[in-house]
Structure formats: structure tokens, C-alpha cells
Protein backbone atom coordinates (compact mmCIF):
# COMPACT_ATOMS: atom_id res chain seq x y z
CA MET A 1 -14.68 -7.16 9.19
CA HIS A 2 -18.28 -8.28 8.65
CA PHE A 3 -19.88 -6.24 5.87
CA ASP A 4 -23.03 -5.28 7.82
CA LYS A 5 -20.94 -4.00 10.76
CA CYS A 6 -18.65 -2.08 8.42
CA GLN A 7 -21.59 -0.65 6.49
CA SER A 8 -23.23 0.50 9.73
CA GLU A 9 -20.03 2.14 10.98
CA PHE A 10 -19.54 4.10 7.74
CA SER A 11 -23.22 4.59 6.81
CA ASN A 12 -22.89 8.39 6.63
CA ILE A 13 -19.62 8.35 4.72
CA ASN A 14 -19.70 9.38 1.06
CA LEU A 15 -16.84 9.45 -1.42
CA GLN A 16 -15.97 13.08 -0.70
CA LYS A 17 -15.70 12.41 3.04
CA THR A 18 -13.61 9.33 2.31
CA LYS A 19 -11.23 11.41 0.20
CA GLU A 20 -11.03 14.09 2.92
CA TYR A 21 -10.14 11.37 5.46
CA LEU A 22 -7.34 10.22 3.15
CA TYR A 23 -6.06 13.78 2.66
CA LYS A 24 -6.02 14.58 6.40
CA ASN A 25 -4.10 11.43 7.28
CA ILE A 26 -1.50 11.90 4.55
CA LEU A 27 -1.06 15.49 5.77
CA TYR A 28 -0.65 14.32 9.38
CA GLU A 29 1.96 11.70 8.45
CA THR A 30 3.99 14.01 6.25
CA GLU A 31 4.02 16.67 8.97
CA LYS A 32 4.99 14.16 11.67
CA TYR A 33 7.63 12.15 9.81
CA TYR A 34 8.96 14.40 7.06
CA GLY A 35 8.64 17.96 8.37
CA PHE A 36 5.98 18.91 5.80
CA LYS A 37 5.55 22.68 5.42
CA ASN A 38 2.46 24.38 4.00
CA SER A 39 4.21 25.86 1.00
CA ARG A 40 2.47 26.05 -2.38
CA ASP A 41 4.70 23.30 -3.81
CA ASN A 42 4.12 20.99 -0.87
CA LEU A 43 0.34 21.48 -0.94
CA LYS A 44 0.36 20.79 -4.67
CA TRP A 45 2.32 17.57 -3.99
CA LEU A 46 -0.11 16.60 -1.19
CA HIS A 47 -3.13 16.97 -3.50
CA MET A 48 -1.32 14.99 -6.20
CA VAL A 49 -0.60 12.12 -3.78
CA THR A 50 -4.16 12.15 -2.43
CA ASN A 51 -5.67 12.07 -5.92
CA GLY A 52 -3.29 9.31 -6.94
CA TRP A 53 -4.05 7.05 -3.98
CA PHE A 54 -7.77 7.75 -4.28
CA ASN A 55 -7.87 6.72 -7.95
CA ASP A 56 -7.80 2.93 -7.96
CA GLN A 57 -8.91 2.68 -11.60
CA ILE A 58 -5.38 3.15 -12.95
CA ASP A 59 -2.29 0.97 -12.63
CA HIS A 60 -0.06 3.15 -10.45
CA ASN A 61 3.65 2.88 -11.23
CA GLY A 62 2.83 0.15 -13.76
CA ARG A 63 2.94 -2.53 -11.05
CA TRP A 64 0.25 -4.73 -12.57
CA LYS A 65 1.73 -4.28 -16.05
CA MET A 66 5.10 -5.40 -14.71
CA ILE A 67 3.47 -8.60 -13.42
CA THR A 68 1.38 -9.34 -16.52
CA ASP A 69 4.36 -8.67 -18.81
CA ARG A 70 6.36 -11.38 -17.02
CA THR A 71 3.87 -14.17 -16.46
CA ASN A 72 0.58 -15.49 -17.80
CA ASN A 73 -0.01 -17.43 -14.58
CA ILE A 74 -0.98 -14.67 -12.14
CA GLY A 75 -2.62 -16.97 -9.58
CA LYS A 76 -2.83 -15.62 -6.03
CA VAL A 77 -1.03 -12.34 -5.30
CA LEU A 78 -0.02 -10.84 -1.93
CA ASP A 79 0.91 -7.18 -1.58
CA VAL A 80 2.92 -6.61 1.61
CA ALA A 81 2.29 -3.16 3.12
CA SER A 82 -0.62 -2.45 0.80
CA GLY A 83 -1.07 1.11 2.01
CA CYS A 84 -4.52 2.45 1.16
CA GLY A 85 -5.21 -0.56 -1.04
CA THR A 86 -4.81 1.08 -4.45
CA PHE A 87 -2.88 -1.90 -5.89
CA VAL A 88 -5.34 -4.38 -4.32
CA PHE A 89 -8.38 -2.44 -5.53
CA HIS A 90 -7.04 -2.27 -9.08
CA GLY A 91 -6.34 -5.98 -9.08
CA LEU A 92 -9.77 -6.86 -7.71
CA HIS A 93 -11.45 -4.59 -10.28
CA ASN A 94 -9.66 -6.64 -12.95
CA LYS A 95 -10.67 -10.00 -11.43
CA TYR A 96 -7.27 -10.93 -10.00
CA LYS A 97 -7.00 -12.92 -6.77
CA VAL A 98 -5.08 -10.38 -4.71
CA TRP A 99 -4.73 -9.74 -0.98
CA GLY A 100 -2.94 -7.09 1.02
CA ILE A 101 -1.39 -6.83 4.46
CA GLU A 102 -1.08 -3.38 6.06
CA PRO A 103 0.16 -2.34 9.54
CA GLU A 104 -1.34 1.18 9.66
CA GLU A 105 -4.80 1.21 11.25
CA TRP A 106 -5.95 4.36 9.46
CA LYS A 107 -5.05 2.93 6.05
CA VAL A 108 -7.06 -0.23 6.67
CA LYS A 109 -9.95 1.95 7.84
CA TYR A 110 -9.68 4.07 4.68
CA TYR A 111 -9.75 0.88 2.58
CA GLN A 112 -12.98 -0.17 4.31
CA MET A 113 -14.51 3.31 3.95
CA LYS A 114 -13.72 3.35 0.25
CA ILE A 115 -15.49 0.02 -0.30
CA ILE A 116 -18.65 1.25 1.43
CA SER A 117 -18.72 4.75 -0.04
CA ALA A 118 -17.88 3.56 -3.58
CA ASP A 119 -20.32 0.64 -3.31
CA TYR A 120 -17.65 -1.92 -4.21
CA PRO A 121 -18.43 -5.66 -3.83
CA LYS A 122 -18.74 -6.86 -0.23
CA TYR A 123 -16.03 -9.50 -0.60
CA TYR A 124 -13.40 -6.75 -1.11
CA LEU A 125 -13.48 -6.19 2.67
CA ASN A 126 -11.69 -9.48 3.29
CA HIS A 127 -8.81 -8.69 0.96
CA VAL A 128 -6.78 -6.26 3.10
CA ILE A 129 -5.80 -7.47 6.57
CA ARG A 130 -4.07 -5.51 9.29
CA GLY A 131 -0.66 -6.96 10.13
CA THR A 132 3.08 -6.63 9.55
CA GLY A 133 5.53 -8.11 7.10
CA GLU A 134 7.50 -9.72 9.91
CA TYR A 135 4.55 -11.97 10.83
CA LEU A 136 2.40 -12.67 7.80
CA PRO A 137 -0.93 -14.30 8.83
CA PHE A 138 -0.93 -16.79 5.96
CA ALA A 139 -0.03 -20.45 5.59
CA ASP A 140 3.20 -21.62 3.94
CA LYS A 141 3.18 -21.70 0.13
CA SER A 142 -0.05 -19.70 -0.19
CA PHE A 143 0.77 -17.29 -3.02
CA ASP A 144 2.05 -17.43 -6.60
CA ILE A 145 3.32 -13.85 -6.44
CA VAL A 146 4.41 -11.76 -3.45
CA THR A 147 5.17 -8.09 -4.00
CA THR A 148 6.06 -5.11 -1.87
CA TYR A 149 6.64 -1.55 -3.06
CA GLN A 150 8.59 1.13 -1.19
CA THR A 151 8.31 -0.83 2.06
CA LEU A 152 11.54 -2.45 3.20
CA GLU A 153 13.11 0.87 4.17
CA HIS A 154 10.39 1.24 6.85
CA VAL A 155 10.23 -2.20 8.48
CA GLN A 156 11.62 -3.30 11.84
CA SER A 157 13.47 -6.28 10.34
CA VAL A 158 14.24 -6.62 6.64
CA LYS A 159 15.49 -10.18 7.25
CA LYS A 160 12.25 -11.31 8.91
CA CYS A 161 10.11 -9.68 6.23
CA ILE A 162 11.96 -11.37 3.38
CA TYR A 163 11.88 -14.71 5.23
CA GLU A 164 8.11 -14.39 5.69
CA MET A 165 7.53 -13.42 2.06
CA LEU A 166 9.51 -16.44 0.92
CA ARG A 167 7.66 -18.68 3.39
CA VAL A 168 4.22 -17.82 1.97
CA LEU A 169 5.45 -17.98 -1.64
CA LYS A 170 4.81 -21.16 -3.61
CA PRO A 171 7.82 -23.01 -5.08
CA GLY A 172 8.64 -21.40 -8.42
CA GLY A 173 6.65 -18.30 -7.49
CA ILE A 174 7.66 -14.68 -8.08
CA LEU A 175 8.93 -12.32 -5.38
CA TYR A 176 8.99 -8.69 -6.53
CA LEU A 177 10.60 -6.11 -4.23
CA LYS A 178 11.16 -2.43 -4.86
CA CYS A 179 12.60 0.10 -2.43
CA PRO A 180 14.87 3.17 -2.52
CA GLY A 181 18.60 2.74 -2.98
CA TYR A 182 20.44 4.82 -0.41
CA ASN A 183 23.53 5.02 -2.57
CA CYS A 184 21.82 7.63 -4.73
CA PHE A 185 21.82 11.43 -4.42
CA TYR A 186 18.10 11.88 -3.73
CA GLU A 187 15.92 11.07 -0.70
CA PRO A 188 12.43 10.19 -2.06
CA HIS A 189 10.53 10.56 1.23
CA TYR A 190 11.84 14.04 2.05
CA ARG A 191 12.10 14.91 -1.67
CA ILE A 192 15.51 16.57 -1.27
CA PRO A 193 19.05 16.09 -2.61
CA PHE A 194 20.87 13.64 -0.35
CA LEU A 195 24.42 12.37 0.00
CA PRO A 196 24.70 8.56 -0.30
CA GLN A 197 24.35 6.79 3.09
CA MET A 198 23.94 10.10 4.94
CA ASN A 199 22.13 9.86 8.29
CA LYS A 200 18.40 10.31 7.57
CA ASN A 201 17.88 12.30 10.78
CA LEU A 202 19.78 15.13 9.09
CA ALA A 203 17.10 15.33 6.40
């Protein structure tokens, strides 16, 4: 999106309104998909998640540390399903060449709002693009590192996503995937004990 157009659209948005937008959308999604109830524990969790996603100054889950510990040649990085852009923001703040792809319209909008309300550099706007992992809008062999975190359990086609990630990865590049293992006894989205391979609709 052109910066002037984006700035005009969000001209009355400050950081507090941006955070409220984030909170409301996380609440909506957790109610819709995971049966969120307004208990004290759930509201505490919701505030924790909102604060975590809003704070792009820290390396959430040590994802950037994992990369820097394993290679000195960071090069160009793609984050597939970049969510609200926390990983991308942190990388850009630290001068890395990082892009994100994200299918959810509201998350891309939040990313744009955060740039305007936090007065981040204009070029950040071009670093998260709306799209899906099954059809990455990048040329072959574009990135040195491709990463996706807690994503593959949500996609339409795991096979297509992995094919696309490998297609845009340079020869000798790094592909880093992390997602839940459904052979464990805990369901991380519903945050409940769970029998291995049990039907998720029962959650």
C-alpha cells in the first residue's frame, strides 16, 4: 500500500487504538474458533497474548536467536503466515531483510496501523503482503531463509505450502518449520489436555 494512502486512512489512529484493534480481533477469533469464555483465566491469557503480539521489540519464542545461532549469513528472510508482523517488525528493527506473507486481512491491516501509529519507517509497509502459503507471490530462489511458526496445522494443503516454500528458497538455504505435534497430550490452541490424534471437533 502507498504510504500516503495508508497514512490518510489511519490518520486518527494512535497506539492505544491500534492495540485495542488487536485485542478485539484476537477476542473475536478465539470466541469463533476456540470457544473462548470470559473467565478470569481466559481474559488474563487474552491480555497476555495481546501484549505479546503488540510488543515487537523483543524476540518472541527466540525465533531470531535460533536463526542467528545457526548462520552468520542471514540474507533475505521470508516468514510464511506472519500474523500481526511481530517477527517481521523485530527483524526490520534490527536491520534484517525480512518479508512476511499473511492471509488474514485484519492482521495485515493491524500491521499497517502499527507502522503509522508508531511512526515506523515508511518502507516497512512493503514488507508484509497479503497472500497464502499455497501460492507465494515471489520468484523462484528468492530467499536465503524461509520460516513458518505454528502455521501448517491451519493451511488448506501442507504439501503445496512446503512445495512453495522450497520453490522460493535459494539452493543451500534454510527452511525452518515449527508446528504442534498431534501425538502429544495437549492441544495448544484450545489449551486443554488432549488424547493423541483425537478429533479436534471434540475439543
